[in-house]
Amino acid sequence: LRQLSLSVARTLTARGDAANQAALVKDLGTRFEAESVELVDDLLEAL
């Protein structure tokens, strides 16, 4: 996801249109964030 997000920054640096890439980052990234909460909750049992 970080590589995808960085690709948007590169596109913006080159003054390109990144609207589609940005939407993809937001979709995949926020789902990842939600799932990370559940994983950490599970990990706490081992801490």
All heavy atoms as atom14 arrays in JSON, in Angstrom:
{
  "sequence": "LRQLSLSVARTLTARGDAANQAALVKDLGTRFEAESVELVDDLLEAL",
  "atom14_mask": [
    [1, 1, 1, 1, 1, 1, 1, 1, 0, 0, 0, 0, 0, 0],
    [1, 1, 1, 1, 1, 1, 1, 1, 1, 1, 1, 0, 0, 0],
    [1, 1, 1, 1, 1, 1, 1, 1, 1, 0, 0, 0, 0, 0],
    [1, 1, 1, 1, 1, 1, 1, 1, 0, 0, 0, 0, 0, 0],
    [1, 1, 1, 1, 1, 1, 0, 0, 0, 0, 0, 0, 0, 0],
    [1, 1, 1, 1, 1, 1, 1, 1, 0, 0, 0, 0, 0, 0],
    [1, 1, 1, 1, 1, 1, 0, 0, 0, 0, 0, 0, 0, 0],
    [1, 1, 1, 1, 1, 1, 1, 0, 0, 0, 0, 0, 0, 0],
    [1, 1, 1, 1, 1, 0, 0, 0, 0, 0, 0, 0, 0, 0],
    [1, 1, 1, 1, 1, 1, 1, 1, 1, 1, 1, 0, 0, 0],
    [1, 1, 1, 1, 1, 1, 1, 0, 0, 0, 0, 0, 0, 0],
    [1, 1, 1, 1, 1, 1, 1, 1, 0, 0, 0, 0, 0, 0],
    [1, 1, 1, 1, 1, 1, 1, 0, 0, 0, 0, 0, 0, 0],
    [1, 1, 1, 1, 1, 0, 0, 0, 0, 0, 0, 0, 0, 0],
    [1, 1, 1, 1, 1, 1, 1, 1, 1, 1, 1, 0, 0, 0],
    [1, 1, 1, 1, 0, 0, 0, 0, 0, 0, 0, 0, 0, 0],
    [1, 1, 1, 1, 1, 1, 1, 1, 0, 0, 0, 0, 0, 0],
    [1, 1, 1, 1, 1, 0, 0, 0, 0, 0, 0, 0, 0, 0],
    [1, 1, 1, 1, 1, 0, 0, 0, 0, 0, 0, 0, 0, 0],
    [1, 1, 1, 1, 1, 1, 1, 1, 0, 0, 0, 0, 0, 0],
    [1, 1, 1, 1, 1, 1, 1, 1, 1, 0, 0, 0, 0, 0],
    [1, 1, 1, 1, 1, 0, 0, 0, 0, 0, 0, 0, 0, 0],
    [1, 1, 1, 1, 1, 0, 0, 0, 0, 0, 0, 0, 0, 0],
    [1, 1, 1, 1, 1, 1, 1, 1, 0, 0, 0, 0, 0, 0],
    [1, 1, 1, 1, 1, 1, 1, 0, 0, 0, 0, 0, 0, 0],
    [1, 1, 1, 1, 1, 1, 1, 1, 1, 0, 0, 0, 0, 0],
    [1, 1, 1, 1, 1, 1, 1, 1, 0, 0, 0, 0, 0, 0],
    [1, 1, 1, 1, 1, 1, 1, 1, 0, 0, 0, 0, 0, 0],
    [1, 1, 1, 1, 0, 0, 0, 0, 0, 0, 0, 0, 0, 0],
    [1, 1, 1, 1, 1, 1, 1, 0, 0, 0, 0, 0, 0, 0],
    [1, 1, 1, 1, 1, 1, 1, 1, 1, 1, 1, 0, 0, 0],
    [1, 1, 1, 1, 1, 1, 1, 1, 1, 1, 1, 0, 0, 0],
    [1, 1, 1, 1, 1, 1, 1, 1, 1, 0, 0, 0, 0, 0],
    [1, 1, 1, 1, 1, 0, 0, 0, 0, 0, 0, 0, 0, 0],
    [1, 1, 1, 1, 1, 1, 1, 1, 1, 0, 0, 0, 0, 0],
    [1, 1, 1, 1, 1, 1, 0, 0, 0, 0, 0, 0, 0, 0],
    [1, 1, 1, 1, 1, 1, 1, 0, 0, 0, 0, 0, 0, 0],
    [1, 1, 1, 1, 1, 1, 1, 1, 1, 0, 0, 0, 0, 0],
    [1, 1, 1, 1, 1, 1, 1, 1, 0, 0, 0, 0, 0, 0],
    [1, 1, 1, 1, 1, 1, 1, 0, 0, 0, 0, 0, 0, 0],
    [1, 1, 1, 1, 1, 1, 1, 1, 0, 0, 0, 0, 0, 0],
    [1, 1, 1, 1, 1, 1, 1, 1, 0, 0, 0, 0, 0, 0],
    [1, 1, 1, 1, 1, 1, 1, 1, 0, 0, 0, 0, 0, 0],
    [1, 1, 1, 1, 1, 1, 1, 1, 0, 0, 0, 0, 0, 0],
    [1, 1, 1, 1, 1, 1, 1, 1, 1, 0, 0, 0, 0, 0],
    [1, 1, 1, 1, 1, 0, 0, 0, 0, 0, 0, 0, 0, 0],
    [1, 1, 1, 1, 1, 1, 1, 1, 0, 0, 0, 0, 0, 0]
  ],
  "atom14_positions": [
    [[0.83, -1.21, 0.0], [0.0, 0.0, 0.0], [0.86, 1.26, 0.0], [0.53, 2.26, -0.64], [-0.93, -0.01, 1.21], [-2.11, -0.97, 1.13], [-2.77, -1.12, 2.5], [-3.13, -0.47, 0.11], [0.0, 0.0, 0.0], [0.0, 0.0, 0.0], [0.0, 0.0, 0.0], [0.0, 0.0, 0.0], [0.0, 0.0, 0.0], [0.0, 0.0, 0.0]],
    [[1.96, 1.19, 0.72], [2.86, 2.34, 0.75], [3.41, 2.63, -0.64], [3.52, 3.79, -1.06], [4.0, 2.08, 1.72], [4.99, 3.23, 1.85], [6.02, 2.94, 2.93], [6.95, 4.05, 3.06], [8.09, 4.15, 2.38], [8.45, 3.21, 1.53], [8.89, 5.19, 2.57], [0.0, 0.0, 0.0], [0.0, 0.0, 0.0], [0.0, 0.0, 0.0]],
    [[3.75, 1.6, -1.4], [4.25, 1.8, -2.75], [3.19, 2.44, -3.64], [3.48, 3.3, -4.46], [4.71, 0.47, -3.34], [5.97, -0.1, -2.7], [7.14, 0.87, -2.76], [7.45, 1.42, -3.82], [7.78, 1.09, -1.64], [0.0, 0.0, 0.0], [0.0, 0.0, 0.0], [0.0, 0.0, 0.0], [0.0, 0.0, 0.0], [0.0, 0.0, 0.0]],
    [[1.93, 1.99, -3.45], [0.83, 2.58, -4.23], [0.64, 4.05, -3.86], [0.46, 4.91, -4.73], [-0.44, 1.79, -3.97], [-1.7, 2.25, -4.72], [-1.48, 2.22, -6.22], [-2.89, 1.38, -4.34], [0.0, 0.0, 0.0], [0.0, 0.0, 0.0], [0.0, 0.0, 0.0], [0.0, 0.0, 0.0], [0.0, 0.0, 0.0], [0.0, 0.0, 0.0]],
    [[0.67, 4.35, -2.56], [0.52, 5.72, -2.11], [1.67, 6.6, -2.62], [1.46, 7.74, -3.04], [0.44, 5.76, -0.58], [0.22, 7.06, -0.1], [0.0, 0.0, 0.0], [0.0, 0.0, 0.0], [0.0, 0.0, 0.0], [0.0, 0.0, 0.0], [0.0, 0.0, 0.0], [0.0, 0.0, 0.0], [0.0, 0.0, 0.0], [0.0, 0.0, 0.0]],
    [[2.87, 6.05, -2.58], [4.03, 6.79, -3.1], [3.89, 7.07, -4.6], [4.33, 8.12, -5.09], [5.32, 5.99, -2.86], [6.04, 6.26, -1.54], [7.12, 5.2, -1.32], [6.67, 7.65, -1.55], [0.0, 0.0, 0.0], [0.0, 0.0, 0.0], [0.0, 0.0, 0.0], [0.0, 0.0, 0.0], [0.0, 0.0, 0.0], [0.0, 0.0, 0.0]],
    [[3.27, 6.14, -5.33], [3.1, 6.36, -6.76], [2.22, 7.57, -7.03], [2.4, 8.28, -8.03], [2.51, 5.12, -7.43], [1.13, 4.97, -7.16], [0.0, 0.0, 0.0], [0.0, 0.0, 0.0], [0.0, 0.0, 0.0], [0.0, 0.0, 0.0], [0.0, 0.0, 0.0], [0.0, 0.0, 0.0], [0.0, 0.0, 0.0], [0.0, 0.0, 0.0]],
    [[1.26, 7.83, -6.13], [0.43, 9.03, -6.26], [1.28, 10.27, -6.07], [1.16, 11.25, -6.82], [-0.75, 9.01, -5.27], [-1.56, 10.29, -5.38], [-1.65, 7.8, -5.53], [0.0, 0.0, 0.0], [0.0, 0.0, 0.0], [0.0, 0.0, 0.0], [0.0, 0.0, 0.0], [0.0, 0.0, 0.0], [0.0, 0.0, 0.0], [0.0, 0.0, 0.0]],
    [[2.14, 10.25, -5.04], [3.01, 11.4, -4.8], [3.92, 11.65, -6.0], [4.17, 12.81, -6.38], [3.85, 11.16, -3.54], [0.0, 0.0, 0.0], [0.0, 0.0, 0.0], [0.0, 0.0, 0.0], [0.0, 0.0, 0.0], [0.0, 0.0, 0.0], [0.0, 0.0, 0.0], [0.0, 0.0, 0.0], [0.0, 0.0, 0.0], [0.0, 0.0, 0.0]],
    [[4.39, 10.58, -6.63], [5.23, 10.75, -7.82], [4.42, 11.36, -8.97], [4.92, 12.22, -9.71], [5.83, 9.41, -8.23], [6.83, 8.84, -7.24], [7.56, 7.64, -7.82], [8.45, 7.05, -6.82], [8.16, 5.98, -6.08], [6.97, 5.38, -6.23], [9.02, 5.52, -5.2], [0.0, 0.0, 0.0], [0.0, 0.0, 0.0], [0.0, 0.0, 0.0]],
    [[3.18, 10.89, -9.13], [2.33, 11.43, -10.18], [2.05, 12.92, -9.96], [2.09, 13.72, -10.89], [1.0, 10.65, -10.26], [1.28, 9.28, -10.54], [0.09, 11.21, -11.33], [0.0, 0.0, 0.0], [0.0, 0.0, 0.0], [0.0, 0.0, 0.0], [0.0, 0.0, 0.0], [0.0, 0.0, 0.0], [0.0, 0.0, 0.0], [0.0, 0.0, 0.0]],
    [[1.76, 13.28, -8.69], [1.51, 14.68, -8.38], [2.76, 15.53, -8.6], [2.68, 16.67, -9.06], [1.02, 14.81, -6.94], [-0.36, 14.2, -6.64], [-0.64, 14.23, -5.15], [-1.46, 14.94, -7.4], [0.0, 0.0, 0.0], [0.0, 0.0, 0.0], [0.0, 0.0, 0.0], [0.0, 0.0, 0.0], [0.0, 0.0, 0.0], [0.0, 0.0, 0.0]],
    [[3.93, 14.96, -8.28], [5.18, 15.67, -8.51], [5.38, 15.96, -9.99], [5.86, 17.03, -10.39], [6.37, 14.84, -7.97], [6.25, 14.72, -6.55], [7.7, 15.5, -8.3], [0.0, 0.0, 0.0], [0.0, 0.0, 0.0], [0.0, 0.0, 0.0], [0.0, 0.0, 0.0], [0.0, 0.0, 0.0], [0.0, 0.0, 0.0], [0.0, 0.0, 0.0]],
    [[4.94, 15.0, -10.82], [5.04, 15.16, -12.28], [3.87, 15.93, -12.86], [3.72, 16.01, -14.08], [5.14, 13.79, -12.94], [0.0, 0.0, 0.0], [0.0, 0.0, 0.0], [0.0, 0.0, 0.0], [0.0, 0.0, 0.0], [0.0, 0.0, 0.0], [0.0, 0.0, 0.0], [0.0, 0.0, 0.0], [0.0, 0.0, 0.0], [0.0, 0.0, 0.0]],
    [[3.0, 16.47, -11.97], [1.82, 17.26, -12.36], [0.83, 16.43, -13.17], [0.15, 16.93, -14.07], [2.23, 18.52, -13.13], [3.15, 19.44, -12.35], [3.45, 20.73, -13.1], [4.39, 21.57, -12.38], [4.07, 22.38, -11.38], [2.81, 22.47, -10.98], [5.0, 23.11, -10.78], [0.0, 0.0, 0.0], [0.0, 0.0, 0.0], [0.0, 0.0, 0.0]],
    [[0.74, 15.15, -12.84], [-0.21, 14.28, -13.52], [-1.53, 14.18, -12.77], [-1.68, 14.71, -11.67], [0.0, 0.0, 0.0], [0.0, 0.0, 0.0], [0.0, 0.0, 0.0], [0.0, 0.0, 0.0], [0.0, 0.0, 0.0], [0.0, 0.0, 0.0], [0.0, 0.0, 0.0], [0.0, 0.0, 0.0], [0.0, 0.0, 0.0], [0.0, 0.0, 0.0]],
    [[-2.5, 13.5, -13.38], [-3.82, 13.29, -12.79], [-3.78, 12.01, -11.97], [-3.59, 10.91, -12.52], [-4.87, 13.18, -13.89], [-6.28, 12.99, -13.33], [-6.44, 12.93, -12.09], [-7.22, 12.88, -14.13], [0.0, 0.0, 0.0], [0.0, 0.0, 0.0], [0.0, 0.0, 0.0], [0.0, 0.0, 0.0], [0.0, 0.0, 0.0], [0.0, 0.0, 0.0]],
    [[-3.98, 12.13, -10.66], [-3.87, 10.97, -9.77], [-5.2, 10.6, -9.12], [-5.23, 9.85, -8.15], [-2.83, 11.26, -8.69], [0.0, 0.0, 0.0], [0.0, 0.0, 0.0], [0.0, 0.0, 0.0], [0.0, 0.0, 0.0], [0.0, 0.0, 0.0], [0.0, 0.0, 0.0], [0.0, 0.0, 0.0], [0.0, 0.0, 0.0], [0.0, 0.0, 0.0]],
    [[-6.31, 11.11, -9.65], [-7.6, 10.9, -9.0], [-7.95, 9.42, -8.86], [-8.42, 8.97, -7.81], [-8.7, 11.63, -9.76], [0.0, 0.0, 0.0], [0.0, 0.0, 0.0], [0.0, 0.0, 0.0], [0.0, 0.0, 0.0], [0.0, 0.0, 0.0], [0.0, 0.0, 0.0], [0.0, 0.0, 0.0], [0.0, 0.0, 0.0], [0.0, 0.0, 0.0]],
    [[-7.7, 8.64, -9.91], [-8.06, 7.23, -9.88], [-7.16, 6.46, -8.91], [-7.62, 5.64, -8.1], [-7.96, 6.63, -11.28], [-8.83, 5.41, -11.45], [-10.02, 5.46, -11.17], [-8.24, 4.32, -11.9], [0.0, 0.0, 0.0], [0.0, 0.0, 0.0], [0.0, 0.0, 0.0], [0.0, 0.0, 0.0], [0.0, 0.0, 0.0], [0.0, 0.0, 0.0]],
    [[-5.85, 6.73, -8.96], [-4.92, 6.09, -8.04], [-5.25, 6.46, -6.59], [-5.17, 5.61, -5.7], [-3.48, 6.52, -8.35], [-2.93, 6.05, -9.66], [-1.64, 6.78, -9.99], [-1.66, 7.89, -10.54], [-0.52, 6.2, -9.63], [0.0, 0.0, 0.0], [0.0, 0.0, 0.0], [0.0, 0.0, 0.0], [0.0, 0.0, 0.0], [0.0, 0.0, 0.0]],
    [[-5.61, 7.71, -6.38], [-5.92, 8.16, -5.01], [-7.14, 7.44, -4.47], [-7.17, 7.05, -3.29], [-6.16, 9.68, -5.01], [0.0, 0.0, 0.0], [0.0, 0.0, 0.0], [0.0, 0.0, 0.0], [0.0, 0.0, 0.0], [0.0, 0.0, 0.0], [0.0, 0.0, 0.0], [0.0, 0.0, 0.0], [0.0, 0.0, 0.0], [0.0, 0.0, 0.0]],
    [[-8.16, 7.24, -5.31], [-9.35, 6.52, -4.87], [-8.99, 5.08, -4.5], [-9.51, 4.52, -3.52], [-10.4, 6.54, -5.98], [0.0, 0.0, 0.0], [0.0, 0.0, 0.0], [0.0, 0.0, 0.0], [0.0, 0.0, 0.0], [0.0, 0.0, 0.0], [0.0, 0.0, 0.0], [0.0, 0.0, 0.0], [0.0, 0.0, 0.0], [0.0, 0.0, 0.0]],
    [[-8.08, 4.48, -5.24], [-7.66, 3.11, -4.95], [-6.9, 3.05, -3.63], [-7.11, 2.13, -2.82], [-6.78, 2.6, -6.09], [-6.42, 1.11, -6.08], [-7.66, 0.25, -6.1], [-5.51, 0.79, -7.27], [0.0, 0.0, 0.0], [0.0, 0.0, 0.0], [0.0, 0.0, 0.0], [0.0, 0.0, 0.0], [0.0, 0.0, 0.0], [0.0, 0.0, 0.0]],
    [[-6.01, 4.01, -3.39], [-5.29, 4.06, -2.12], [-6.26, 4.16, -0.95], [-6.14, 3.46, 0.06], [-4.32, 5.26, -2.08], [-3.75, 5.46, -0.67], [-3.18, 5.06, -3.07], [0.0, 0.0, 0.0], [0.0, 0.0, 0.0], [0.0, 0.0, 0.0], [0.0, 0.0, 0.0], [0.0, 0.0, 0.0], [0.0, 0.0, 0.0], [0.0, 0.0, 0.0]],
    [[-7.25, 5.04, -1.1], [-8.2, 5.25, -0.02], [-9.02, 3.99, 0.26], [-9.24, 3.59, 1.4], [-9.11, 6.43, -0.37], [-9.88, 7.0, 0.82], [-11.19, 6.29, 1.03], [-11.93, 6.84, 2.23], [-13.14, 6.06, 2.54], [0.0, 0.0, 0.0], [0.0, 0.0, 0.0], [0.0, 0.0, 0.0], [0.0, 0.0, 0.0], [0.0, 0.0, 0.0]],
    [[-9.48, 3.31, -0.79], [-10.27, 2.09, -0.63], [-9.44, 1.0, 0.05], [-9.81, 0.48, 1.12], [-10.75, 1.62, -2.01], [-11.59, 0.35, -1.94], [-11.88, -0.14, -0.84], [-11.96, -0.16, -3.01], [0.0, 0.0, 0.0], [0.0, 0.0, 0.0], [0.0, 0.0, 0.0], [0.0, 0.0, 0.0], [0.0, 0.0, 0.0], [0.0, 0.0, 0.0]],
    [[-8.3, 0.65, -0.52], [-7.48, -0.42, 0.02], [-6.87, -0.04, 1.37], [-6.79, -0.87, 2.29], [-6.37, -0.78, -0.97], [-6.82, -1.32, -2.33], [-5.61, -1.52, -3.24], [-7.59, -2.62, -2.16], [0.0, 0.0, 0.0], [0.0, 0.0, 0.0], [0.0, 0.0, 0.0], [0.0, 0.0, 0.0], [0.0, 0.0, 0.0], [0.0, 0.0, 0.0]],
    [[-6.45, 1.22, 1.5], [-5.78, 1.65, 2.73], [-6.7, 1.66, 3.93], [-6.31, 1.21, 5.01], [0.0, 0.0, 0.0], [0.0, 0.0, 0.0], [0.0, 0.0, 0.0], [0.0, 0.0, 0.0], [0.0, 0.0, 0.0], [0.0, 0.0, 0.0], [0.0, 0.0, 0.0], [0.0, 0.0, 0.0], [0.0, 0.0, 0.0], [0.0, 0.0, 0.0]],
    [[-7.9, 2.16, 3.77], [-8.8, 2.23, 4.94], [-9.32, 0.85, 5.34], [-9.6, 0.61, 6.51], [-9.96, 3.19, 4.67], [-10.64, 2.82, 3.46], [-9.47, 4.62, 4.53], [0.0, 0.0, 0.0], [0.0, 0.0, 0.0], [0.0, 0.0, 0.0], [0.0, 0.0, 0.0], [0.0, 0.0, 0.0], [0.0, 0.0, 0.0], [0.0, 0.0, 0.0]],
    [[-9.43, -0.06, 4.37], [-9.78, -1.43, 4.74], [-8.64, -2.07, 5.52], [-8.86, -2.79, 6.49], [-10.09, -2.26, 3.49], [-11.51, -2.05, 2.96], [-11.86, -3.09, 1.92], [-11.24, -2.8, 0.64], [-11.06, -3.71, -0.32], [-11.42, -4.96, -0.11], [-10.52, -3.37, -1.47], [0.0, 0.0, 0.0], [0.0, 0.0, 0.0], [0.0, 0.0, 0.0]],
    [[-7.42, -1.8, 5.11], [-6.25, -2.29, 5.85], [-6.24, -1.75, 7.27], [-5.98, -2.49, 8.23], [-4.97, -1.87, 5.11], [-3.73, -1.97, 5.94], [-3.06, -3.17, 6.06], [-3.22, -0.86, 6.61], [-1.91, -3.27, 6.84], [-2.08, -0.94, 7.38], [-1.41, -2.16, 7.5], [0.0, 0.0, 0.0], [0.0, 0.0, 0.0], [0.0, 0.0, 0.0]],
    [[-6.53, -0.47, 7.43], [-6.54, 0.13, 8.76], [-7.55, -0.57, 9.66], [-7.26, -0.88, 10.83], [-6.87, 1.62, 8.67], [-5.77, 2.47, 8.08], [-6.14, 3.93, 7.97], [-7.34, 4.25, 7.79], [-5.24, 4.77, 8.09], [0.0, 0.0, 0.0], [0.0, 0.0, 0.0], [0.0, 0.0, 0.0], [0.0, 0.0, 0.0], [0.0, 0.0, 0.0]],
    [[-8.75, -0.82, 9.13], [-9.78, -1.48, 9.94], [-9.35, -2.87, 10.35], [-9.53, -3.28, 11.52], [-11.09, -1.53, 9.14], [0.0, 0.0, 0.0], [0.0, 0.0, 0.0], [0.0, 0.0, 0.0], [0.0, 0.0, 0.0], [0.0, 0.0, 0.0], [0.0, 0.0, 0.0], [0.0, 0.0, 0.0], [0.0, 0.0, 0.0], [0.0, 0.0, 0.0]],
    [[-8.74, -3.62, 9.44], [-8.31, -4.97, 9.76], [-7.14, -4.99, 10.74], [-6.99, -5.92, 11.53], [-7.96, -5.72, 8.47], [-9.18, -6.0, 7.61], [-8.82, -6.46, 6.21], [-7.66, -6.88, 6.01], [-9.69, -6.39, 5.31], [0.0, 0.0, 0.0], [0.0, 0.0, 0.0], [0.0, 0.0, 0.0], [0.0, 0.0, 0.0], [0.0, 0.0, 0.0]],
    [[-6.31, -3.95, 10.7], [-5.18, -3.89, 11.63], [-5.65, -3.75, 13.07], [-5.0, -4.24, 13.99], [-4.24, -2.74, 11.26], [-4.82, -1.47, 11.55], [0.0, 0.0, 0.0], [0.0, 0.0, 0.0], [0.0, 0.0, 0.0], [0.0, 0.0, 0.0], [0.0, 0.0, 0.0], [0.0, 0.0, 0.0], [0.0, 0.0, 0.0], [0.0, 0.0, 0.0]],
    [[-6.79, -3.08, 13.28], [-7.35, -2.95, 14.63], [-7.7, -4.33, 15.17], [-7.39, -4.68, 16.32], [-8.6, -2.05, 14.62], [-9.22, -1.98, 16.02], [-8.26, -0.66, 14.12], [0.0, 0.0, 0.0], [0.0, 0.0, 0.0], [0.0, 0.0, 0.0], [0.0, 0.0, 0.0], [0.0, 0.0, 0.0], [0.0, 0.0, 0.0], [0.0, 0.0, 0.0]],
    [[-8.34, -5.14, 14.34], [-8.74, -6.48, 14.77], [-7.52, -7.34, 15.07], [-7.51, -8.11, 16.05], [-9.61, -7.12, 13.69], [-10.9, -6.35, 13.42], [-11.61, -6.82, 12.17], [-11.22, -7.87, 11.62], [-12.57, -6.14, 11.74], [0.0, 0.0, 0.0], [0.0, 0.0, 0.0], [0.0, 0.0, 0.0], [0.0, 0.0, 0.0], [0.0, 0.0, 0.0]],
    [[-6.47, -7.23, 14.24], [-5.27, -8.02, 14.47], [-4.59, -7.65, 15.78], [-4.2, -8.52, 16.56], [-4.28, -7.85, 13.3], [-2.94, -8.57, 13.52], [-3.13, -10.07, 13.59], [-1.95, -8.23, 12.41], [0.0, 0.0, 0.0], [0.0, 0.0, 0.0], [0.0, 0.0, 0.0], [0.0, 0.0, 0.0], [0.0, 0.0, 0.0], [0.0, 0.0, 0.0]],
    [[-4.45, -6.35, 16.03], [-3.8, -5.92, 17.27], [-4.61, -6.39, 18.48], [-4.03, -6.81, 19.5], [-3.59, -4.39, 17.29], [-3.11, -3.94, 18.66], [-2.6, -3.98, 16.22], [0.0, 0.0, 0.0], [0.0, 0.0, 0.0], [0.0, 0.0, 0.0], [0.0, 0.0, 0.0], [0.0, 0.0, 0.0], [0.0, 0.0, 0.0], [0.0, 0.0, 0.0]],
    [[-5.91, -6.35, 18.37], [-6.75, -6.84, 19.45], [-6.43, -8.31, 19.74], [-6.31, -8.73, 20.9], [-8.22, -6.69, 19.08], [-9.14, -6.72, 20.29], [-8.64, -6.71, 21.44], [-10.36, -6.76, 20.11], [0.0, 0.0, 0.0], [0.0, 0.0, 0.0], [0.0, 0.0, 0.0], [0.0, 0.0, 0.0], [0.0, 0.0, 0.0], [0.0, 0.0, 0.0]],
    [[-6.26, -9.11, 18.69], [-5.88, -10.51, 18.87], [-4.48, -10.65, 19.46], [-4.23, -11.5, 20.32], [-5.94, -11.26, 17.54], [-7.37, -11.42, 17.02], [-8.31, -11.31, 17.83], [-7.53, -11.64, 15.8], [0.0, 0.0, 0.0], [0.0, 0.0, 0.0], [0.0, 0.0, 0.0], [0.0, 0.0, 0.0], [0.0, 0.0, 0.0], [0.0, 0.0, 0.0]],
    [[-3.56, -9.79, 19.02], [-2.18, -9.87, 19.49], [-2.05, -9.57, 20.98], [-1.13, -10.07, 21.64], [-1.3, -8.89, 18.71], [-1.05, -9.19, 17.23], [-0.18, -8.09, 16.62], [-0.39, -10.54, 17.05], [0.0, 0.0, 0.0], [0.0, 0.0, 0.0], [0.0, 0.0, 0.0], [0.0, 0.0, 0.0], [0.0, 0.0, 0.0], [0.0, 0.0, 0.0]],
    [[-2.95, -8.75, 21.5], [-2.85, -8.38, 22.92], [-2.93, -9.58, 23.84], [-2.43, -9.54, 24.97], [-3.96, -7.38, 23.28], [-3.75, -5.94, 22.81], [-4.83, -5.05, 23.38], [-2.39, -5.42, 23.24], [0.0, 0.0, 0.0], [0.0, 0.0, 0.0], [0.0, 0.0, 0.0], [0.0, 0.0, 0.0], [0.0, 0.0, 0.0], [0.0, 0.0, 0.0]],
    [[-3.53, -10.66, 23.37], [-3.61, -11.87, 24.19], [-2.23, -12.44, 24.46], [-2.03, -13.14, 25.45], [-4.48, -12.92, 23.48], [-5.93, -12.48, 23.29], [-6.73, -13.51, 22.51], [-6.17, -14.61, 22.25], [-7.9, -13.24, 22.19], [0.0, 0.0, 0.0], [0.0, 0.0, 0.0], [0.0, 0.0, 0.0], [0.0, 0.0, 0.0], [0.0, 0.0, 0.0]],
    [[-1.27, -12.15, 23.57], [0.09, -12.66, 23.74], [1.01, -11.67, 24.41], [2.21, -11.93, 24.57], [0.65, -13.04, 22.37], [0.0, 0.0, 0.0], [0.0, 0.0, 0.0], [0.0, 0.0, 0.0], [0.0, 0.0, 0.0], [0.0, 0.0, 0.0], [0.0, 0.0, 0.0], [0.0, 0.0, 0.0], [0.0, 0.0, 0.0], [0.0, 0.0, 0.0]],
    [[0.48, -10.52, 24.83], [1.31, -9.46, 25.41], [0.97, -9.23, 26.88], [-0.18, -9.41, 27.29], [1.1, -8.15, 24.65], [1.51, -8.11, 23.18], [1.13, -6.76, 22.57], [3.01, -8.33, 23.03], [0.0, 0.0, 0.0], [0.0, 0.0, 0.0], [0.0, 0.0, 0.0], [0.0, 0.0, 0.0], [0.0, 0.0, 0.0], [0.0, 0.0, 0.0]]
  ]
}
